[in-house]
Structures are given as structure tokens and as C-alpha cells.
Amino acid sequence: MVTLGVADMTRAREFYERLGWRGQEVEETVFFQAGDMAVVLWGRDKLAADAGIEDQGANGFGGVCLAHNVRSRPEVDKVLNEATNAGAEITQAARKTFYGGYAGCFTDPDGHAWEVAYNPGIPLGRDGAIKLPDFGAS
């Protein structure tokens, strides 16, 4: 589960729903199923207090970049386009990567950084789940 502290729950939920996700609200928290994981939206101040940290505000980098892996280069472009249409800011245009893949980045309305990546070294399961390879194997 990845929890994102958001400044405006309505704005954040609408953004992710424009990406095609469907949320379930429980006690001022919105849960989205995302493949084999969940993304949760919670008030930024509540998340900071729960984590025992001082909130640095919605405009600063929160030190987190979430990755959304896809199956092809064209799918990277498609997802970045959908994000732009939903209101995201592209912070890094899609480009070839050092690991032989293709990736680009955007931020959502609360400044959370997302990478959309095609990585041929990390194939996706039929259900979209990521199973990391043994990086130590030759």
C-alpha cells in the first residue's frame, strides 16, 4: 500500500478517477486498487501527524517517486498523455533510459512524483503484477 498525503481530498480523488481509477472512501480515506497493490489518499496533515513528521507543505518534494510500470514504449506515451489530460504536469518527457527501457515523469495536483516506465528487464504478469527478477543472478 502506498499512502499519499493530499491537500484537497476532492481534487485528488477526481484527478485519480479521471485517470480511470475507481476509489472507495472509508473514514475520510480513499482506497484505489492498483494491480497487486493499493494507493490510498489521506489528508496530508493527518498523514504527517500519523507518521510523526512535520508537514513541509504541498509545494515541496515529498521525497517519494511512485512508479507505474507498463508493457511497452507506446503505453508509456499513452499513460503520460492520459495524465496530462487529467491535469498532471509532465516533469520529464518520455525518453530512453540507462537500463534499456523508456520512461517519463509527471506530478499530480499535490506534487507527488510519478514515473511511467517500460522496463524490459522487469516483465509484468498477466494481471499487471510486478515480480522482481533475481538481480544477483548472472
C-alpha atoms as a PDB file:
ATOM      1  CA  MET A   1       0.000   0.000   0.000  1.00  0.00           C
ATOM      2  CA  VAL A   2       1.206   3.490  -0.827  1.00  0.00           C
ATOM      3  CA  THR A   3      -0.432   6.360   1.029  1.00  0.00           C
ATOM      4  CA  LEU A   4      -0.349   9.846  -0.425  1.00  0.00           C
ATOM      5  CA  GLY A   5      -0.956  12.849   1.815  1.00  0.00           C
ATOM      6  CA  VAL A   6      -3.217  15.222  -0.125  1.00  0.00           C
ATOM      7  CA  ALA A   7      -4.124  18.872   0.442  1.00  0.00           C
ATOM      8  CA  ASP A   8      -7.627  18.606  -1.080  1.00  0.00           C
ATOM      9  CA  MET A   9      -9.303  15.182  -0.968  1.00  0.00           C
ATOM     10  CA  THR A  10     -11.983  16.033  -3.543  1.00  0.00           C
ATOM     11  CA  ARG A  11      -9.456  17.398  -6.046  1.00  0.00           C
ATOM     12  CA  ALA A  12      -7.128  14.421  -5.530  1.00  0.00           C
ATOM     13  CA  ARG A  13      -9.892  11.823  -5.855  1.00  0.00           C
ATOM     14  CA  GLU A  14     -11.252  13.470  -9.008  1.00  0.00           C
ATOM     15  CA  PHE A  15      -7.755  13.513 -10.531  1.00  0.00           C
ATOM     16  CA  TYR A  16      -7.214   9.783  -9.999  1.00  0.00           C
ATOM     17  CA  GLU A  17     -10.731   8.984 -11.181  1.00  0.00           C
ATOM     18  CA  ARG A  18     -10.037  10.928 -14.387  1.00  0.00           C
ATOM     19  CA  LEU A  19      -7.131   8.502 -14.861  1.00  0.00           C
ATOM     20  CA  GLY A  20      -9.736   5.728 -14.861  1.00  0.00           C
ATOM     21  CA  TRP A  21      -9.243   4.523 -11.278  1.00  0.00           C
ATOM     22  CA  ARG A  22     -12.260   3.844  -9.044  1.00  0.00           C
ATOM     23  CA  GLY A  23     -11.949   4.739  -5.403  1.00  0.00           C
ATOM     24  CA  GLN A  24     -13.683   3.555  -2.278  1.00  0.00           C
ATOM     25  CA  GLU A  25     -13.999   6.068   0.551  1.00  0.00           C
ATOM     26  CA  VAL A  26     -13.722   4.837   4.127  1.00  0.00           C
ATOM     27  CA  GLU A  27     -13.431   7.233   7.077  1.00  0.00           C
ATOM     28  CA  GLU A  28     -12.070  10.242   5.115  1.00  0.00           C
ATOM     29  CA  THR A  29      -9.645   7.989   3.242  1.00  0.00           C
ATOM     30  CA  VAL A  30      -9.933   6.877  -0.400  1.00  0.00           C
ATOM     31  CA  PHE A  31      -8.590   3.481  -1.451  1.00  0.00           C
ATOM     32  CA  PHE A  32      -7.734   2.562  -5.053  1.00  0.00           C
ATOM     33  CA  GLN A  33      -6.851  -0.965  -6.175  1.00  0.00           C
ATOM     34  CA  ALA A  34      -3.819  -0.690  -8.453  1.00  0.00           C
ATOM     35  CA  GLY A  35      -2.774  -4.098  -9.738  1.00  0.00           C
ATOM     36  CA  ASP A  36      -1.374  -6.115  -6.855  1.00  0.00           C
ATOM     37  CA  MET A  37      -1.114  -3.066  -4.648  1.00  0.00           C
ATOM     38  CA  ALA A  38      -3.267  -0.266  -3.292  1.00  0.00           C
ATOM     39  CA  VAL A  39      -2.889   3.504  -3.463  1.00  0.00           C
ATOM     40  CA  VAL A  40      -4.507   5.397  -0.612  1.00  0.00           C
ATOM     41  CA  LEU A  41      -5.355   9.117  -0.391  1.00  0.00           C
ATOM     42  CA  TRP A  42      -5.434  10.635   3.066  1.00  0.00           C
ATOM     43  CA  GLY A  43      -5.334  14.217   4.329  1.00  0.00           C
ATOM     44  CA  ARG A  44      -1.754  15.473   4.205  1.00  0.00           C
ATOM     45  CA  ASP A  45      -1.907  16.888   7.747  1.00  0.00           C
ATOM     46  CA  LYS A  46      -3.326  13.605   9.107  1.00  0.00           C
ATOM     47  CA  LEU A  47      -0.685  11.552   7.329  1.00  0.00           C
ATOM     48  CA  ALA A  48       2.108  13.792   8.615  1.00  0.00           C
ATOM     49  CA  ALA A  49       0.768  13.635  12.175  1.00  0.00           C
ATOM     50  CA  ASP A  50       0.331   9.859  11.971  1.00  0.00           C
ATOM     51  CA  ALA A  51       3.897   9.494  10.711  1.00  0.00           C
ATOM     52  CA  GLY A  52       5.214  11.837  13.386  1.00  0.00           C
ATOM     53  CA  ILE A  53       6.732  14.289  10.922  1.00  0.00           C
ATOM     54  CA  GLU A  54       6.318  17.988  10.309  1.00  0.00           C
ATOM     55  CA  ASP A  55       4.363  18.751   7.142  1.00  0.00           C
ATOM     56  CA  GLN A  56       6.579  20.624   4.696  1.00  0.00           C
ATOM     57  CA  GLY A  57       3.611  21.879   2.637  1.00  0.00           C
ATOM     58  CA  ALA A  58       2.034  20.813  -0.648  1.00  0.00           C
ATOM     59  CA  ASN A  59       4.527  22.534  -2.944  1.00  0.00           C
ATOM     60  CA  GLY A  60       7.737  20.832  -1.825  1.00  0.00           C
ATOM     61  CA  PHE A  61       9.055  17.474  -2.972  1.00  0.00           C
ATOM     62  CA  GLY A  62       7.933  14.842  -0.515  1.00  0.00           C
ATOM     63  CA  GLY A  63      10.875  12.546  -1.192  1.00  0.00           C
ATOM     64  CA  VAL A  64       8.750   9.914  -2.940  1.00  0.00           C
ATOM     65  CA  CYS A  65       8.505   8.934  -6.587  1.00  0.00           C
ATOM     66  CA  LEU A  66       5.971   6.274  -7.400  1.00  0.00           C
ATOM     67  CA  ALA A  67       6.476   4.065 -10.431  1.00  0.00           C
ATOM     68  CA  HIS A  68       3.798   2.785 -12.793  1.00  0.00           C
ATOM     69  CA  ASN A  69       5.308   0.076 -14.997  1.00  0.00           C
ATOM     70  CA  VAL A  70       3.736  -0.728 -18.362  1.00  0.00           C
ATOM     71  CA  ARG A  71       4.333  -3.282 -21.126  1.00  0.00           C
ATOM     72  CA  SER A  72       5.625  -1.110 -23.987  1.00  0.00           C
ATOM     73  CA  ARG A  73       7.052   2.220 -25.087  1.00  0.00           C
ATOM     74  CA  PRO A  74       3.743   3.254 -26.720  1.00  0.00           C
ATOM     75  CA  GLU A  75       1.954   2.540 -23.442  1.00  0.00           C
ATOM     76  CA  VAL A  76       4.321   4.932 -21.629  1.00  0.00           C
ATOM     77  CA  ASP A  77       3.305   7.679 -24.057  1.00  0.00           C
ATOM     78  CA  LYS A  78      -0.392   6.762 -23.670  1.00  0.00           C
ATOM     79  CA  VAL A  79      -0.304   6.907 -19.866  1.00  0.00           C
ATOM     80  CA  LEU A  80       1.623  10.206 -19.857  1.00  0.00           C
ATOM     81  CA  ASN A  81      -0.956  11.658 -22.261  1.00  0.00           C
ATOM     82  CA  GLU A  82      -3.818  10.466 -20.034  1.00  0.00           C
ATOM     83  CA  ALA A  83      -2.104  12.033 -17.024  1.00  0.00           C
ATOM     84  CA  THR A  84      -1.690  15.341 -18.864  1.00  0.00           C
ATOM     85  CA  ASN A  85      -5.365  15.290 -19.831  1.00  0.00           C
ATOM     86  CA  ALA A  86      -6.291  14.618 -16.200  1.00  0.00           C
ATOM     87  CA  GLY A  87      -4.348  17.702 -15.047  1.00  0.00           C
ATOM     88  CA  ALA A  88      -0.845  16.367 -14.353  1.00  0.00           C
ATOM     89  CA  GLU A  89       2.318  18.332 -15.027  1.00  0.00           C
ATOM     90  CA  ILE A  90       4.901  16.462 -17.083  1.00  0.00           C
ATOM     91  CA  THR A  91       8.224  16.951 -15.299  1.00  0.00           C
ATOM     92  CA  GLN A  92      10.316  14.662 -17.511  1.00  0.00           C
ATOM     93  CA  ALA A  93       9.321  13.866 -21.077  1.00  0.00           C
ATOM     94  CA  ALA A  94       9.462  10.187 -22.049  1.00  0.00           C
ATOM     95  CA  ARG A  95      12.963   9.140 -23.105  1.00  0.00           C
ATOM     96  CA  LYS A  96      15.253   6.119 -23.389  1.00  0.00           C
ATOM     97  CA  THR A  97      16.683   5.077 -20.049  1.00  0.00           C
ATOM     98  CA  PHE A  98      20.091   3.829 -18.951  1.00  0.00           C
ATOM     99  CA  TYR A  99      18.606   0.376 -18.255  1.00  0.00           C
ATOM    100  CA  GLY A 100      17.355  -0.128 -21.819  1.00  0.00           C
ATOM    101  CA  GLY A 101      13.825   0.973 -21.152  1.00  0.00           C
ATOM    102  CA  TYR A 102      11.711   4.062 -21.774  1.00  0.00           C
ATOM    103  CA  ALA A 103      10.213   6.351 -19.129  1.00  0.00           C
ATOM    104  CA  GLY A 104       8.773   9.764 -18.334  1.00  0.00           C
ATOM    105  CA  CYS A 105       7.552  11.504 -15.171  1.00  0.00           C
ATOM    106  CA  PHE A 106       4.657  13.658 -14.030  1.00  0.00           C
ATOM    107  CA  THR A 107       3.378  15.202 -10.821  1.00  0.00           C
ATOM    108  CA  ASP A 108      -0.205  15.088  -9.624  1.00  0.00           C
ATOM    109  CA  PRO A 109      -2.031  18.153  -8.227  1.00  0.00           C
ATOM    110  CA  ASP A 110      -0.374  17.654  -4.815  1.00  0.00           C
ATOM    111  CA  GLY A 111       3.136  17.424  -6.252  1.00  0.00           C
ATOM    112  CA  HIS A 112       3.545  13.650  -5.901  1.00  0.00           C
ATOM    113  CA  ALA A 113       6.038  12.448  -8.488  1.00  0.00           C
ATOM    114  CA  TRP A 114       5.118   9.514 -10.732  1.00  0.00           C
ATOM    115  CA  GLU A 115       7.362   7.699 -13.178  1.00  0.00           C
ATOM    116  CA  VAL A 116       5.719   5.806 -16.049  1.00  0.00           C
ATOM    117  CA  ALA A 117       8.185   3.190 -17.236  1.00  0.00           C
ATOM    118  CA  TYR A 118       8.670   0.368 -19.673  1.00  0.00           C
ATOM    119  CA  ASN A 119      11.483  -1.812 -18.335  1.00  0.00           C
ATOM    120  CA  PRO A 120      12.193  -4.900 -20.430  1.00  0.00           C
ATOM    121  CA  GLY A 121      14.150  -6.357 -17.501  1.00  0.00           C
ATOM    122  CA  ILE A 122      11.101  -6.394 -15.237  1.00  0.00           C
ATOM    123  CA  PRO A 123       8.236  -8.069 -17.093  1.00  0.00           C
ATOM    124  CA  LEU A 124       4.676  -7.690 -15.872  1.00  0.00           C
ATOM    125  CA  GLY A 125       2.452 -10.649 -15.043  1.00  0.00           C
ATOM    126  CA  ARG A 126      -0.788 -11.240 -16.907  1.00  0.00           C
ATOM    127  CA  ASP A 127      -2.599  -9.390 -14.116  1.00  0.00           C
ATOM    128  CA  GLY A 128      -0.162  -6.445 -14.197  1.00  0.00           C
ATOM    129  CA  ALA A 129       1.694  -7.555 -11.089  1.00  0.00           C
ATOM    130  CA  ILE A 130       5.417  -6.967 -10.859  1.00  0.00           C
ATOM    131  CA  LYS A 131       7.634  -9.862  -9.877  1.00  0.00           C
ATOM    132  CA  LEU A 132      11.145  -8.592  -9.472  1.00  0.00           C
ATOM    133  CA  PRO A 133      13.846 -10.781 -11.005  1.00  0.00           C
ATOM    134  CA  ASP A 134      16.842 -12.021  -9.042  1.00  0.00           C
ATOM    135  CA  PHE A 135      19.168  -9.100  -9.744  1.00  0.00           C
ATOM    136  CA  GLY A 136      22.102 -11.070  -8.328  1.00  0.00           C
ATOM    137  CA  ALA A 137      21.743 -13.924 -10.819  1.00  0.00           C
ATOM    138  CA  SER A 138      24.078 -13.947 -13.814  1.00  0.00           C
END
